[in-house]
Every structure is written in structure tokens, then in C-alpha cells.
C-alpha atoms as a PDB file:
ATOM      1  CA  MET A   1      -7.222 -23.127  -8.027  1.00  0.00           C
ATOM      2  CA  PRO A   2      -7.549 -19.618  -7.081  1.00  0.00           C
ATOM      3  CA  THR A   3     -11.066 -18.066  -7.670  1.00  0.00           C
ATOM      4  CA  ILE A   4     -11.109 -15.263 -10.287  1.00  0.00           C
ATOM      5  CA  ILE A   5     -12.876 -12.278  -8.713  1.00  0.00           C
ATOM      6  CA  ALA A   6     -14.460 -10.233 -11.331  1.00  0.00           C
ATOM      7  CA  ALA A   7     -15.537  -7.430  -8.879  1.00  0.00           C
ATOM      8  CA  VAL A   8     -12.067  -6.108  -8.559  1.00  0.00           C
ATOM      9  CA  THR A   9     -11.488  -3.563 -11.136  1.00  0.00           C
ATOM     10  CA  THR A  10      -8.920  -0.706 -11.437  1.00  0.00           C
ATOM     11  CA  GLU A  11     -11.463   1.629 -10.078  1.00  0.00           C
ATOM     12  CA  LEU A  12     -11.654  -0.281  -6.870  1.00  0.00           C
ATOM     13  CA  LEU A  13      -7.704   0.214  -6.721  1.00  0.00           C
ATOM     14  CA  GLN A  14      -8.014   3.631  -7.385  1.00  0.00           C
ATOM     15  CA  ALA A  15     -10.614   3.870  -4.521  1.00  0.00           C
ATOM     16  CA  PHE A  16      -7.949   2.077  -2.574  1.00  0.00           C
ATOM     17  CA  ALA A  17      -5.179   4.499  -3.634  1.00  0.00           C
ATOM     18  CA  ASP A  18      -7.540   7.435  -2.878  1.00  0.00           C
ATOM     19  CA  ALA A  19      -8.194   6.194   0.635  1.00  0.00           C
ATOM     20  CA  TRP A  20      -4.381   6.158   1.258  1.00  0.00           C
ATOM     21  CA  ASN A  21      -4.184   9.568   0.273  1.00  0.00           C
ATOM     22  CA  ARG A  22      -6.933  10.645   2.366  1.00  0.00           C
ATOM     23  CA  HIS A  23      -5.167   8.823   5.561  1.00  0.00           C
ATOM     24  CA  ASP A  24      -8.569   7.064   6.047  1.00  0.00           C
ATOM     25  CA  ILE A  25      -7.598   4.033   7.961  1.00  0.00           C
ATOM     26  CA  ASP A  26     -11.292   2.817   8.102  1.00  0.00           C
ATOM     27  CA  ALA A  27     -11.751   2.792   4.528  1.00  0.00           C
ATOM     28  CA  LEU A  28      -8.474   1.140   3.760  1.00  0.00           C
ATOM     29  CA  MET A  29      -9.555  -1.691   6.135  1.00  0.00           C
ATOM     30  CA  SER A  30     -12.894  -2.105   4.088  1.00  0.00           C
ATOM     31  CA  PHE A  31     -10.988  -3.224   1.148  1.00  0.00           C
ATOM     32  CA  MET A  32      -9.238  -5.783   3.267  1.00  0.00           C
ATOM     33  CA  THR A  33     -10.026  -9.370   3.719  1.00  0.00           C
ATOM     34  CA  GLU A  34     -10.761 -10.710   7.484  1.00  0.00           C
ATOM     35  CA  ASP A  35      -7.407 -12.703   7.199  1.00  0.00           C
ATOM     36  CA  CYS A  36      -5.286  -9.878   5.392  1.00  0.00           C
ATOM     37  CA  VAL A  37      -1.518  -9.754   5.064  1.00  0.00           C
ATOM     38  CA  PHE A  38       0.722  -6.608   4.437  1.00  0.00           C
ATOM     39  CA  GLU A  39       4.151  -7.132   3.662  1.00  0.00           C
ATOM     40  CA  ALA A  40       5.845  -3.739   3.834  1.00  0.00           C
ATOM     41  CA  SER A  41       8.962  -2.618   1.542  1.00  0.00           C
ATOM     42  CA  ALA A  42      11.226  -2.289   4.401  1.00  0.00           C
ATOM     43  CA  GLY A  43      11.776  -4.323   7.511  1.00  0.00           C
ATOM     44  CA  PRO A  44      14.077  -7.104   9.205  1.00  0.00           C
ATOM     45  CA  ASP A  45      12.730  -9.967   6.934  1.00  0.00           C
ATOM     46  CA  CYS A  46      13.213 -11.167   3.465  1.00  0.00           C
ATOM     47  CA  CYS A  47       9.594  -9.883   2.882  1.00  0.00           C
ATOM     48  CA  GLY A  48      10.264  -6.532   4.692  1.00  0.00           C
ATOM     49  CA  THR A  49       7.991  -6.435   7.570  1.00  0.00           C
ATOM     50  CA  ARG A  50       5.021  -8.727   7.655  1.00  0.00           C
ATOM     51  CA  TYR A  51       1.466  -8.023   9.309  1.00  0.00           C
ATOM     52  CA  ALA A  52      -0.971 -10.498   9.370  1.00  0.00           C
ATOM     53  CA  GLY A  53      -4.381 -10.556  10.490  1.00  0.00           C
ATOM     54  CA  ARG A  54      -6.787  -7.205  10.467  1.00  0.00           C
ATOM     55  CA  ASP A  55      -5.477  -5.405  13.501  1.00  0.00           C
ATOM     56  CA  ALA A  56      -1.505  -6.073  12.636  1.00  0.00           C
ATOM     57  CA  VAL A  57      -2.403  -4.586   9.113  1.00  0.00           C
ATOM     58  CA  ARG A  58      -4.182  -1.668  10.326  1.00  0.00           C
ATOM     59  CA  ALA A  59      -1.300  -0.710  12.612  1.00  0.00           C
ATOM     60  CA  GLY A  60       1.257  -1.385   9.725  1.00  0.00           C
ATOM     61  CA  PHE A  61      -0.923   1.018   7.439  1.00  0.00           C
ATOM     62  CA  ALA A  62      -0.904   3.606  10.102  1.00  0.00           C
ATOM     63  CA  GLU A  63       2.630   3.293  10.954  1.00  0.00           C
ATOM     64  CA  ALA A  64       3.148   4.630   7.332  1.00  0.00           C
ATOM     65  CA  TRP A  65       1.391   7.889   8.059  1.00  0.00           C
ATOM     66  CA  ALA A  66       3.234   8.309  11.794  1.00  0.00           C
ATOM     67  CA  THR A  67       6.573   8.244   9.514  1.00  0.00           C
ATOM     68  CA  PHE A  68       5.554  10.370   6.698  1.00  0.00           C
ATOM     69  CA  PRO A  69       2.722  12.760   8.170  1.00  0.00           C
ATOM     70  CA  ASP A  70       2.159  13.956   4.671  1.00  0.00           C
ATOM     71  CA  ALA A  71       2.248  10.718   2.831  1.00  0.00           C
ATOM     72  CA  HIS A  72       1.019  10.944  -0.912  1.00  0.00           C
ATOM     73  CA  TRP A  73       0.972   8.295  -3.393  1.00  0.00           C
ATOM     74  CA  GLY A  74       0.787  10.004  -6.695  1.00  0.00           C
ATOM     75  CA  ASP A  75       0.398   9.076 -10.471  1.00  0.00           C
ATOM     76  CA  ALA A  76      -1.194   5.756  -9.758  1.00  0.00           C
ATOM     77  CA  ARG A  77      -1.505   3.353 -12.296  1.00  0.00           C
ATOM     78  CA  HIS A  78      -3.353   0.068 -11.949  1.00  0.00           C
ATOM     79  CA  PHE A  79      -4.156  -3.539 -13.558  1.00  0.00           C
ATOM     80  CA  VAL A  80      -6.124  -6.473 -12.658  1.00  0.00           C
ATOM     81  CA  SER A  81      -5.695 -10.042 -14.168  1.00  0.00           C
ATOM     82  CA  GLY A  82      -7.748 -12.423 -12.530  1.00  0.00           C
ATOM     83  CA  ASP A  83      -6.830 -12.794  -8.668  1.00  0.00           C
ATOM     84  CA  ARG A  84      -3.913 -10.658  -8.969  1.00  0.00           C
ATOM     85  CA  GLY A  85      -3.295  -6.940  -9.375  1.00  0.00           C
ATOM     86  CA  VAL A  86      -0.580  -4.274  -9.628  1.00  0.00           C
ATOM     87  CA  SER A  87      -0.817  -0.571  -8.558  1.00  0.00           C
ATOM     88  CA  GLU A  88       2.434   1.558  -9.345  1.00  0.00           C
ATOM     89  CA  TRP A  89       2.729   4.888  -7.825  1.00  0.00           C
ATOM     90  CA  THR A  90       5.324   7.567  -6.906  1.00  0.00           C
ATOM     91  CA  PHE A  91       5.565   8.483  -3.163  1.00  0.00           C
ATOM     92  CA  THR A  92       6.326  11.601  -1.589  1.00  0.00           C
ATOM     93  CA  GLY A  93       6.626  12.152   2.183  1.00  0.00           C
ATOM     94  CA  THR A  94       8.562  14.177   4.640  1.00  0.00           C
ATOM     95  CA  ARG A  95       9.981  12.363   7.728  1.00  0.00           C
ATOM     96  CA  LEU A  96       9.592  13.638  11.005  1.00  0.00           C
ATOM     97  CA  ASP A  97      13.327  14.962  11.030  1.00  0.00           C
ATOM     98  CA  GLY A  98      11.970  17.153   7.930  1.00  0.00           C
ATOM     99  CA  THR A  99      13.741  15.179   5.126  1.00  0.00           C
ATOM    100  CA  CYS A 100      11.844  14.473   2.051  1.00  0.00           C
ATOM    101  CA  VAL A 101      11.502  11.291   0.269  1.00  0.00           C
ATOM    102  CA  GLU A 102      10.270  10.781  -3.537  1.00  0.00           C
ATOM    103  CA  VAL A 103      10.333   7.127  -4.689  1.00  0.00           C
ATOM    104  CA  GLN A 104       8.615   5.271  -7.524  1.00  0.00           C
ATOM    105  CA  GLY A 105       6.891   1.752  -6.233  1.00  0.00           C
ATOM    106  CA  CYS A 106       4.428  -0.812  -6.476  1.00  0.00           C
ATOM    107  CA  ASP A 107       2.065  -3.090  -4.698  1.00  0.00           C
ATOM    108  CA  LEU A 108       1.685  -6.514  -5.871  1.00  0.00           C
ATOM    109  CA  LEU A 109      -1.961  -7.512  -4.940  1.00  0.00           C
ATOM    110  CA  THR A 110      -3.726 -11.005  -4.135  1.00  0.00           C
ATOM    111  CA  PHE A 111      -7.695 -10.951  -3.967  1.00  0.00           C
ATOM    112  CA  ARG A 112     -10.000 -13.351  -2.687  1.00  0.00           C
ATOM    113  CA  ASP A 113     -13.779 -12.411  -2.354  1.00  0.00           C
ATOM    114  CA  ALA A 114     -13.594  -9.249  -4.084  1.00  0.00           C
ATOM    115  CA  LYS A 115     -11.053  -7.734  -1.409  1.00  0.00           C
ATOM    116  CA  ILE A 116      -7.347  -7.507  -1.244  1.00  0.00           C
ATOM    117  CA  ALA A 117      -5.962 -10.628   0.744  1.00  0.00           C
ATOM    118  CA  LEU A 118      -2.216  -9.504   0.371  1.00  0.00           C
ATOM    119  CA  LYS A 119      -0.591  -6.291  -0.124  1.00  0.00           C
ATOM    120  CA  ASN A 120       2.785  -7.027  -1.205  1.00  0.00           C
ATOM    121  CA  SER A 121       4.929  -3.296  -1.283  1.00  0.00           C
ATOM    122  CA  TYR A 122       7.763  -2.789  -3.239  1.00  0.00           C
ATOM    123  CA  ARG A 123       9.778   0.755  -3.500  1.00  0.00           C
ATOM    124  CA  LYS A 124      12.866   2.053  -4.962  1.00  0.00           C
ATOM    125  CA  TYR A 125      15.685   2.985  -2.496  1.00  0.00           C
ATOM    126  CA  ARG A 126      16.602   6.581  -3.027  1.00  0.00           C
ATOM    127  CA  ALA A 127      18.577   8.830  -0.429  1.00  0.00           C
ATOM    128  CA  PRO A 128      16.351  11.697   1.120  1.00  0.00           C
ATOM    129  CA  LEU A 129      16.125  14.669  -1.112  1.00  0.00           C
ATOM    130  CA  GLY A 130      16.660  17.499   1.653  1.00  0.00           C
ATOM    131  CA  THR A 131      14.033  19.299   3.481  1.00  0.00           C
ATOM    132  CA  LYS A 132      11.793  20.334   0.581  1.00  0.00           C
ATOM    133  CA  CYS A 133       9.712  17.915  -1.386  1.00  0.00           C
END
């Protein structure tokens, strides 16, 4: 039976979102368990791309900023229920080729020991908007 983690709050999830927008990898990793998993919204597998373990997750998180140097997750909304949580957001970013992406998405989160054990990301697909976000 999962342990309910009372220490995880919507404020904690907002702090996690703020770290994403600062592009602060060390802060992001401080929210994650030692055996964390990140399932990205895109990739070759049914779950997107799966990064397991701190080193792999760290690299997966950093890849978002390498792909979209100005990446921003705005309009964040969060909720927590027991050992699960959801963060909804609007992603904007400019790819290295100059094309702009703006889509809504969410993270389904699983918590353990007041940290994020699984970050499972989903986002809408939308053709790039051109060269101006």
C-alpha cells in the first residue's frame, strides 16, 4: 500500500515549476528521489522516452533546455492527492531552428518520502507557430 506523503503540497509543486523556468538543474534534482524516473512526452517507446535513475533523469531534464533554450512553463496549476499529484501548464519555447512551439500539457507525479519518484509528462501536439512565440 502506498505511503501518503503529507509534506508534498501545491507550494512544493510550484517551487518545482519555478526551478524549471529558471533552468536550474540542481534545484530540480533536489525534488527527485534517488531512484527517480522521468517519462518524457515524446520518444520511441509507448511511454515516450524513459529516463531511470538520477543521472539519466538529470540528462533528460537538461535535454529540454538544449532543444528549447528559452523553454518556459507558464500558467501552472497543481493539485495533490495522497501520493499522487498533477501539474498543468502551457509550454512555450523556440527550437534551435527558430520555430516557436506553444502547447498545453501536464505532469502526472508519484511521490515517495516527500519527493518526486515519477514525473510522467504529457503535452498536446501542435505544429510550430512560425518564428515568433
